[in-house]
PDB file of N, CA and C in Angstrom:
ATOM      1  N   UNK A   1       0.844  -1.165   0.000  1.00  0.00           N
ATOM      2  CA  UNK A   1       0.000   0.000   0.000  1.00  0.00           C
ATOM      3  C   UNK A   1       0.893   1.232   0.000  1.00  0.00           C
ATOM      4  N   UNK A   2       0.852   1.955  -1.056  1.00  0.00           N
ATOM      5  CA  UNK A   2       1.677   3.145  -1.182  1.00  0.00           C
ATOM      6  C   UNK A   2       0.892   4.348  -0.691  1.00  0.00           C
ATOM      7  N   UNK A   3       1.334   4.991   0.360  1.00  0.00           N
ATOM      8  CA  UNK A   3       0.653   6.155   0.916  1.00  0.00           C
ATOM      9  C   UNK A   3       1.359   7.419   0.463  1.00  0.00           C
ATOM     10  N   UNK A   4       0.601   8.448   0.185  1.00  0.00           N
ATOM     11  CA  UNK A   4       1.193   9.724  -0.183  1.00  0.00           C
ATOM     12  C   UNK A   4       1.273  10.621   1.045  1.00  0.00           C
ATOM     13  N   UNK A   5       2.349  11.370   1.140  1.00  0.00           N
ATOM     14  CA  UNK A   5       2.456  12.352   2.198  1.00  0.00           C
ATOM     15  C   UNK A   5       3.096  11.862   3.490  1.00  0.00           C
ATOM     16  N   UNK A   6       3.222  10.586   3.667  1.00  0.00           N
ATOM     17  CA  UNK A   6       3.861  10.068   4.869  1.00  0.00           C
ATOM     18  C   UNK A   6       4.300   8.627   4.635  1.00  0.00           C
ATOM     19  N   UNK A   7       5.137   8.146   5.514  1.00  0.00           N
ATOM     20  CA  UNK A   7       5.459   6.718   5.517  1.00  0.00           C
ATOM     21  C   UNK A   7       5.337   6.233   6.955  1.00  0.00           C
ATOM     22  N   UNK A   8       4.917   5.000   7.097  1.00  0.00           N
ATOM     23  CA  UNK A   8       4.783   4.440   8.443  1.00  0.00           C
ATOM     24  C   UNK A   8       6.134   4.450   9.152  1.00  0.00           C
ATOM     25  N   UNK A   9       7.192   4.194   8.412  1.00  0.00           N
ATOM     26  CA  UNK A   9       8.519   4.174   9.025  1.00  0.00           C
ATOM     27  C   UNK A   9       8.880   5.550   9.591  1.00  0.00           C
ATOM     28  N   UNK A  10       8.651   6.615   8.810  1.00  0.00           N
ATOM     29  CA  UNK A  10       8.995   7.949   9.308  1.00  0.00           C
ATOM     30  C   UNK A  10       8.130   8.329  10.499  1.00  0.00           C
ATOM     31  N   UNK A  11       6.857   7.936  10.487  1.00  0.00           N
ATOM     32  CA  UNK A  11       5.991   8.211  11.637  1.00  0.00           C
ATOM     33  C   UNK A  11       6.482   7.480  12.880  1.00  0.00           C
ATOM     34  N   UNK A  12       6.913   6.233  12.694  1.00  0.00           N
ATOM     35  CA  UNK A  12       7.443   5.449  13.821  1.00  0.00           C
ATOM     36  C   UNK A  12       8.704   6.105  14.366  1.00  0.00           C
ATOM     37  N   UNK A  13       9.602   6.482  13.460  1.00  0.00           N
ATOM     38  CA  UNK A  13      10.867   7.072  13.882  1.00  0.00           C
ATOM     39  C   UNK A  13      10.654   8.436  14.552  1.00  0.00           C
ATOM     40  N   UNK A  14       9.685   9.215  14.080  1.00  0.00           N
ATOM     41  CA  UNK A  14       9.382  10.504  14.708  1.00  0.00           C
ATOM     42  C   UNK A  14       8.944  10.330  16.157  1.00  0.00           C
ATOM     43  N   UNK A  15       8.361   9.192  16.458  1.00  0.00           N
ATOM     44  CA  UNK A  15       7.923   8.908  17.826  1.00  0.00           C
ATOM     45  C   UNK A  15       9.005   8.221  18.651  1.00  0.00           C
ATOM     46  N   UNK A  16      10.172   8.043  18.060  1.00  0.00           N
ATOM     47  CA  UNK A  16      11.292   7.455  18.781  1.00  0.00           C
ATOM     48  C   UNK A  16      11.135   5.970  19.052  1.00  0.00           C
ATOM     49  N   UNK A  17      10.375   5.295  18.211  1.00  0.00           N
ATOM     50  CA  UNK A  17      10.134   3.869  18.401  1.00  0.00           C
ATOM     51  C   UNK A  17      10.978   3.048  17.435  1.00  0.00           C
ATOM     52  N   UNK A  18      11.519   1.938  17.924  1.00  0.00           N
ATOM     53  CA  UNK A  18      12.142   0.998  17.002  1.00  0.00           C
ATOM     54  C   UNK A  18      11.074  -0.010  16.564  1.00  0.00           C
ATOM     55  N   UNK A  19      11.434  -0.887  15.650  1.00  0.00           N
ATOM     56  CA  UNK A  19      10.453  -1.850  15.127  1.00  0.00           C
ATOM     57  C   UNK A  19       9.866  -2.733  16.228  1.00  0.00           C
ATOM     58  N   UNK A  20      10.716  -3.170  17.139  1.00  0.00           N
ATOM     59  CA  UNK A  20      10.238  -4.047  18.210  1.00  0.00           C
ATOM     60  C   UNK A  20       9.232  -3.330  19.102  1.00  0.00           C
ATOM     61  N   UNK A  21       9.542  -2.110  19.488  1.00  0.00           N
ATOM     62  CA  UNK A  21       8.627  -1.343  20.347  1.00  0.00           C
ATOM     63  C   UNK A  21       7.293  -1.095  19.651  1.00  0.00           C
ATOM     64  N   UNK A  22       7.346  -0.665  18.390  1.00  0.00           N
ATOM     65  CA  UNK A  22       6.109  -0.409  17.643  1.00  0.00           C
ATOM     66  C   UNK A  22       5.330  -1.703  17.453  1.00  0.00           C
ATOM     67  N   UNK A  23       6.041  -2.779  17.182  1.00  0.00           N
ATOM     68  CA  UNK A  23       5.381  -4.072  17.020  1.00  0.00           C
ATOM     69  C   UNK A  23       4.613  -4.480  18.267  1.00  0.00           C
ATOM     70  N   UNK A  24       5.202  -4.244  19.416  1.00  0.00           N
ATOM     71  CA  UNK A  24       4.530  -4.565  20.681  1.00  0.00           C
ATOM     72  C   UNK A  24       3.275  -3.720  20.840  1.00  0.00           C
ATOM     73  N   UNK A  25       3.380  -2.419  20.575  1.00  0.00           N
ATOM     74  CA  UNK A  25       2.223  -1.529  20.712  1.00  0.00           C
ATOM     75  C   UNK A  25       1.109  -1.877  19.725  1.00  0.00           C
ATOM     76  N   UNK A  26       1.506  -2.388  18.552  1.00  0.00           N
ATOM     77  CA  UNK A  26       0.534  -2.719  17.511  1.00  0.00           C
ATOM     78  C   UNK A  26       0.089  -4.183  17.544  1.00  0.00           C
ATOM     79  N   UNK A  27       0.748  -4.979  18.377  1.00  0.00           N
ATOM     80  CA  UNK A  27       0.527  -6.434  18.393  1.00  0.00           C
ATOM     81  C   UNK A  27       0.797  -7.029  17.012  1.00  0.00           C
ATOM     82  N   UNK A  28       1.884  -6.548  16.390  1.00  0.00           N
ATOM     83  CA  UNK A  28       2.321  -7.011  15.082  1.00  0.00           C
ATOM     84  C   UNK A  28       3.779  -7.445  15.201  1.00  0.00           C
ATOM     85  N   UNK A  29       4.116  -8.576  14.617  1.00  0.00           N
ATOM     86  CA  UNK A  29       5.504  -9.032  14.605  1.00  0.00           C
ATOM     87  C   UNK A  29       6.369  -7.954  13.939  1.00  0.00           C
ATOM     88  N   UNK A  30       7.519  -7.633  14.536  1.00  0.00           N
ATOM     89  CA  UNK A  30       8.375  -6.587  13.960  1.00  0.00           C
ATOM     90  C   UNK A  30       8.782  -6.852  12.507  1.00  0.00           C
ATOM     91  N   UNK A  31       8.982  -8.119  12.149  1.00  0.00           N
ATOM     92  CA  UNK A  31       9.331  -8.451  10.769  1.00  0.00           C
ATOM     93  C   UNK A  31       8.181  -8.105   9.829  1.00  0.00           C
ATOM     94  N   UNK A  32       6.961  -8.393  10.245  1.00  0.00           N
ATOM     95  CA  UNK A  32       5.793  -8.050   9.445  1.00  0.00           C
ATOM     96  C   UNK A  32       5.650  -6.537   9.345  1.00  0.00           C
ATOM     97  N   UNK A  33       5.860  -5.833  10.433  1.00  0.00           N
ATOM     98  CA  UNK A  33       5.782  -4.380  10.419  1.00  0.00           C
ATOM     99  C   UNK A  33       6.812  -3.808   9.447  1.00  0.00           C
ATOM    100  N   UNK A  34       8.010  -4.354   9.442  1.00  0.00           N
ATOM    101  CA  UNK A  34       9.046  -3.924   8.518  1.00  0.00           C
ATOM    102  C   UNK A  34       8.587  -4.115   7.071  1.00  0.00           C
ATOM    103  N   UNK A  35       7.954  -5.230   6.791  1.00  0.00           N
ATOM    104  CA  UNK A  35       7.458  -5.500   5.436  1.00  0.00           C
ATOM    105  C   UNK A  35       6.336  -4.527   5.053  1.00  0.00           C
ATOM    106  N   UNK A  36       5.497  -4.171   6.007  1.00  0.00           N
ATOM    107  CA  UNK A  36       4.444  -3.184   5.752  1.00  0.00           C
ATOM    108  C   UNK A  36       5.077  -1.826   5.476  1.00  0.00           C
ATOM    109  N   UNK A  37       6.050  -1.440   6.291  1.00  0.00           N
ATOM    110  CA  UNK A  37       6.714  -0.147   6.124  1.00  0.00           C
ATOM    111  C   UNK A  37       7.424  -0.033   4.781  1.00  0.00           C
ATOM    112  N   UNK A  38       7.931  -1.143   4.275  1.00  0.00           N
ATOM    113  CA  UNK A  38       8.683  -1.143   3.021  1.00  0.00           C
ATOM    114  C   UNK A  38       7.820  -1.524   1.815  1.00  0.00           C
ATOM    115  N   UNK A  39       6.507  -1.547   2.013  1.00  0.00           N
ATOM    116  CA  UNK A  39       5.532  -1.798   0.950  1.00  0.00           C
ATOM    117  C   UNK A  39       5.699  -3.170   0.294  1.00  0.00           C
ATOM    118  N   UNK A  40       6.241  -4.118   1.061  1.00  0.00           N
ATOM    119  CA  UNK A  40       6.362  -5.495   0.579  1.00  0.00           C
ATOM    120  C   UNK A  40       5.060  -6.228   0.845  1.00  0.00           C
ATOM    121  N   UNK A  41       4.392  -5.842   1.903  1.00  0.00           N
ATOM    122  CA  UNK A  41       3.120  -6.466   2.276  1.00  0.00           C
ATOM    123  C   UNK A  41       2.140  -5.382   2.711  1.00  0.00           C
ATOM    124  N   UNK A  42       0.887  -5.555   2.313  1.00  0.00           N
ATOM    125  CA  UNK A  42      -0.149  -4.620   2.727  1.00  0.00           C
ATOM    126  C   UNK A  42      -0.710  -5.066   4.077  1.00  0.00           C
ATOM    127  N   UNK A  43      -1.029  -4.115   4.939  1.00  0.00           N
ATOM    128  CA  UNK A  43      -1.609  -4.492   6.235  1.00  0.00           C
ATOM    129  C   UNK A  43      -3.035  -5.005   6.057  1.00  0.00           C
ATOM    130  N   UNK A  44      -3.461  -5.819   7.001  1.00  0.00           N
ATOM    131  CA  UNK A  44      -4.863  -6.217   7.026  1.00  0.00           C
ATOM    132  C   UNK A  44      -5.674  -5.008   7.490  1.00  0.00           C
ATOM    133  N   UNK A  45      -6.976  -5.115   7.369  1.00  0.00           N
ATOM    134  CA  UNK A  45      -7.828  -4.013   7.824  1.00  0.00           C
ATOM    135  C   UNK A  45      -7.623  -3.747   9.316  1.00  0.00           C
ATOM    136  N   UNK A  46      -7.528  -4.819  10.097  1.00  0.00           N
ATOM    137  CA  UNK A  46      -7.322  -4.674  11.541  1.00  0.00           C
ATOM    138  C   UNK A  46      -5.975  -4.007  11.834  1.00  0.00           C
ATOM    139  N   UNK A  47      -4.934  -4.416  11.130  1.00  0.00           N
ATOM    140  CA  UNK A  47      -3.624  -3.805  11.317  1.00  0.00           C
ATOM    141  C   UNK A  47      -3.646  -2.338  10.911  1.00  0.00           C
ATOM    142  N   UNK A  48      -4.372  -2.033   9.849  1.00  0.00           N
ATOM    143  CA  UNK A  48      -4.501  -0.657   9.391  1.00  0.00           C
ATOM    144  C   UNK A  48      -5.125   0.232  10.465  1.00  0.00           C
ATOM    145  N   UNK A  49      -6.148  -0.280  11.124  1.00  0.00           N
ATOM    146  CA  UNK A  49      -6.808   0.500  12.176  1.00  0.00           C
ATOM    147  C   UNK A  49      -5.874   0.704  13.373  1.00  0.00           C
ATOM    148  N   UNK A  50      -5.049  -0.293  13.678  1.00  0.00           N
ATOM    149  CA  UNK A  50      -4.074  -0.148  14.764  1.00  0.00           C
ATOM    150  C   UNK A  50      -3.011   0.886  14.399  1.00  0.00           C
ATOM    151  N   UNK A  51      -2.569   0.871  13.136  1.00  0.00           N
ATOM    152  CA  UNK A  51      -1.605   1.863  12.676  1.00  0.00           C
ATOM    153  C   UNK A  51      -2.190   3.268  12.770  1.00  0.00           C
ATOM    154  N   UNK A  52      -3.435   3.414  12.357  1.00  0.00           N
ATOM    155  CA  UNK A  52      -4.106   4.724  12.422  1.00  0.00           C
ATOM    156  C   UNK A  52      -4.168   5.224  13.858  1.00  0.00           C
ATOM    157  N   UNK A  53      -4.486   4.333  14.769  1.00  0.00           N
ATOM    158  CA  UNK A  53      -4.589   4.731  16.181  1.00  0.00           C
ATOM    159  C   UNK A  53      -3.228   5.138  16.745  1.00  0.00           C
ATOM    160  N   UNK A  54      -2.215   4.305  16.510  1.00  0.00           N
ATOM    161  CA  UNK A  54      -0.891   4.583  17.058  1.00  0.00           C
ATOM    162  C   UNK A  54      -0.311   5.878  16.499  1.00  0.00           C
ATOM    163  N   UNK A  55      -0.460   6.081  15.206  1.00  0.00           N
ATOM    164  CA  UNK A  55       0.157   7.233  14.551  1.00  0.00           C
ATOM    165  C   UNK A  55      -0.804   8.420  14.410  1.00  0.00           C
ATOM    166  N   UNK A  56      -1.960   8.326  15.036  1.00  0.00           N
ATOM    167  CA  UNK A  56      -2.955   9.401  15.057  1.00  0.00           C
ATOM    168  C   UNK A  56      -3.287   9.882  13.645  1.00  0.00           C
ATOM    169  N   UNK A  57      -3.633   8.904  12.786  1.00  0.00           N
ATOM    170  CA  UNK A  57      -4.029   9.176  11.414  1.00  0.00           C
ATOM    171  C   UNK A  57      -5.536   9.023  11.282  1.00  0.00           C
ATOM    172  N   UNK A  58      -6.109   9.635  10.280  1.00  0.00           N
ATOM    173  CA  UNK A  58      -7.544   9.531  10.031  1.00  0.00           C
ATOM    174  C   UNK A  58      -7.864   8.118   9.538  1.00  0.00           C
ATOM    175  N   UNK A  59      -8.546   7.311  10.355  1.00  0.00           N
ATOM    176  CA  UNK A  59      -8.815   5.930   9.961  1.00  0.00           C
ATOM    177  C   UNK A  59      -9.699   5.835   8.718  1.00  0.00           C
ATOM    178  N   UNK A  60     -10.621   6.775   8.538  1.00  0.00           N
ATOM    179  CA  UNK A  60     -11.493   6.729   7.366  1.00  0.00           C
ATOM    180  C   UNK A  60     -10.704   6.971   6.084  1.00  0.00           C
ATOM    181  N   UNK A  61      -9.795   7.932   6.104  1.00  0.00           N
ATOM    182  CA  UNK A  61      -8.968   8.214   4.924  1.00  0.00           C
ATOM    183  C   UNK A  61      -8.059   7.029   4.608  1.00  0.00           C
ATOM    184  N   UNK A  62      -7.480   6.434   5.642  1.00  0.00           N
ATOM    185  CA  UNK A  62      -6.634   5.260   5.424  1.00  0.00           C
ATOM    186  C   UNK A  62      -7.439   4.109   4.851  1.00  0.00           C
ATOM    187  N   UNK A  63      -8.646   3.926   5.361  1.00  0.00           N
ATOM    188  CA  UNK A  63      -9.486   2.836   4.891  1.00  0.00           C
ATOM    189  C   UNK A  63      -9.867   3.028   3.423  1.00  0.00           C
ATOM    190  N   UNK A  64     -10.183   4.240   3.029  1.00  0.00           N
ATOM    191  CA  UNK A  64     -10.504   4.509   1.621  1.00  0.00           C
ATOM    192  C   UNK A  64      -9.305   4.162   0.739  1.00  0.00           C
ATOM    193  N   UNK A  65      -8.108   4.614   1.128  1.00  0.00           N
ATOM    194  CA  UNK A  65      -6.898   4.295   0.363  1.00  0.00           C
ATOM    195  C   UNK A  65      -6.661   2.787   0.319  1.00  0.00           C
ATOM    196  N   UNK A  66      -6.836   2.127   1.454  1.00  0.00           N
ATOM    197  CA  UNK A  66      -6.605   0.692   1.563  1.00  0.00           C
ATOM    198  C   UNK A  66      -7.572  -0.087   0.668  1.00  0.00           C
ATOM    199  N   UNK A  67      -8.852   0.294   0.702  1.00  0.00           N
ATOM    200  CA  UNK A  67      -9.846  -0.386  -0.130  1.00  0.00           C
ATOM    201  C   UNK A  67      -9.597  -0.124  -1.612  1.00  0.00           C
ATOM    202  N   UNK A  68      -9.228   1.095  -1.953  1.00  0.00           N
ATOM    203  CA  UNK A  68      -8.918   1.425  -3.351  1.00  0.00           C
ATOM    204  C   UNK A  68      -7.744   0.582  -3.846  1.00  0.00           C
ATOM    205  N   UNK A  69      -6.719   0.478  -3.017  1.00  0.00           N
ATOM    206  CA  UNK A  69      -5.547  -0.313  -3.366  1.00  0.00           C
ATOM    207  C   UNK A  69      -5.906  -1.783  -3.512  1.00  0.00           C
ATOM    208  N   UNK A  70      -6.739  -2.271  -2.621  1.00  0.00           N
ATOM    209  CA  UNK A  70      -7.147  -3.668  -2.663  1.00  0.00           C
ATOM    210  C   UNK A  70      -7.920  -3.967  -3.948  1.00  0.00           C
ATOM    211  N   UNK A  71      -8.857  -3.108  -4.314  1.00  0.00           N
ATOM    212  CA  UNK A  71      -9.632  -3.294  -5.546  1.00  0.00           C
ATOM    213  C   UNK A  71      -8.700  -3.252  -6.752  1.00  0.00           C
ATOM    214  N   UNK A  72      -7.792  -2.282  -6.776  1.00  0.00           N
ATOM    215  CA  UNK A  72      -6.846  -2.165  -7.882  1.00  0.00           C
ATOM    216  C   UNK A  72      -6.061  -3.456  -8.078  1.00  0.00           C
ATOM    217  N   UNK A  73      -5.528  -4.000  -6.976  1.00  0.00           N
ATOM    218  CA  UNK A  73      -4.710  -5.223  -7.067  1.00  0.00           C
ATOM    219  C   UNK A  73      -5.542  -6.431  -7.459  1.00  0.00           C
ATOM    220  N   UNK A  74      -6.784  -6.485  -7.038  1.00  0.00           N
ATOM    221  CA  UNK A  74      -7.637  -7.600  -7.434  1.00  0.00           C
ATOM    222  C   UNK A  74      -7.991  -7.528  -8.919  1.00  0.00           C
ATOM    223  N   UNK A  75      -8.219  -6.344  -9.426  1.00  0.00           N
ATOM    224  CA  UNK A  75      -8.512  -6.182 -10.855  1.00  0.00           C
ATOM    225  C   UNK A  75      -7.271  -6.428 -11.715  1.00  0.00           C
ATOM    226  N   UNK A  76      -6.139  -6.072 -11.170  1.00  0.00           N
ATOM    227  CA  UNK A  76      -4.869  -6.223 -11.896  1.00  0.00           C
ATOM    228  C   UNK A  76      -4.452  -7.681 -12.027  1.00  0.00           C
ATOM    229  N   UNK A  77      -4.767  -8.449 -11.013  1.00  0.00           N
ATOM    230  CA  UNK A  77      -4.174  -9.750 -10.988  1.00  0.00           C
ATOM    231  C   UNK A  77      -4.982 -10.939 -11.056  1.00  0.00           C
TER     232      UNK A  77
END
């Protein structure tokens, strides 16, 4: 999921969190979080909502982007 205007990694680093700390707060394995941050894997809807909460992002805007991306990839492939 390619987001415009921010990256999950930069948001995490701005809060002084390493992958392990953020993973604990999000209940996400740090390796999986790294893959999400590097756009290797898209987060699930539940993970997306946790990211929105932790990084104080608009969950509705993230959900619209996430659903748009999901539809695009399903039509593409």
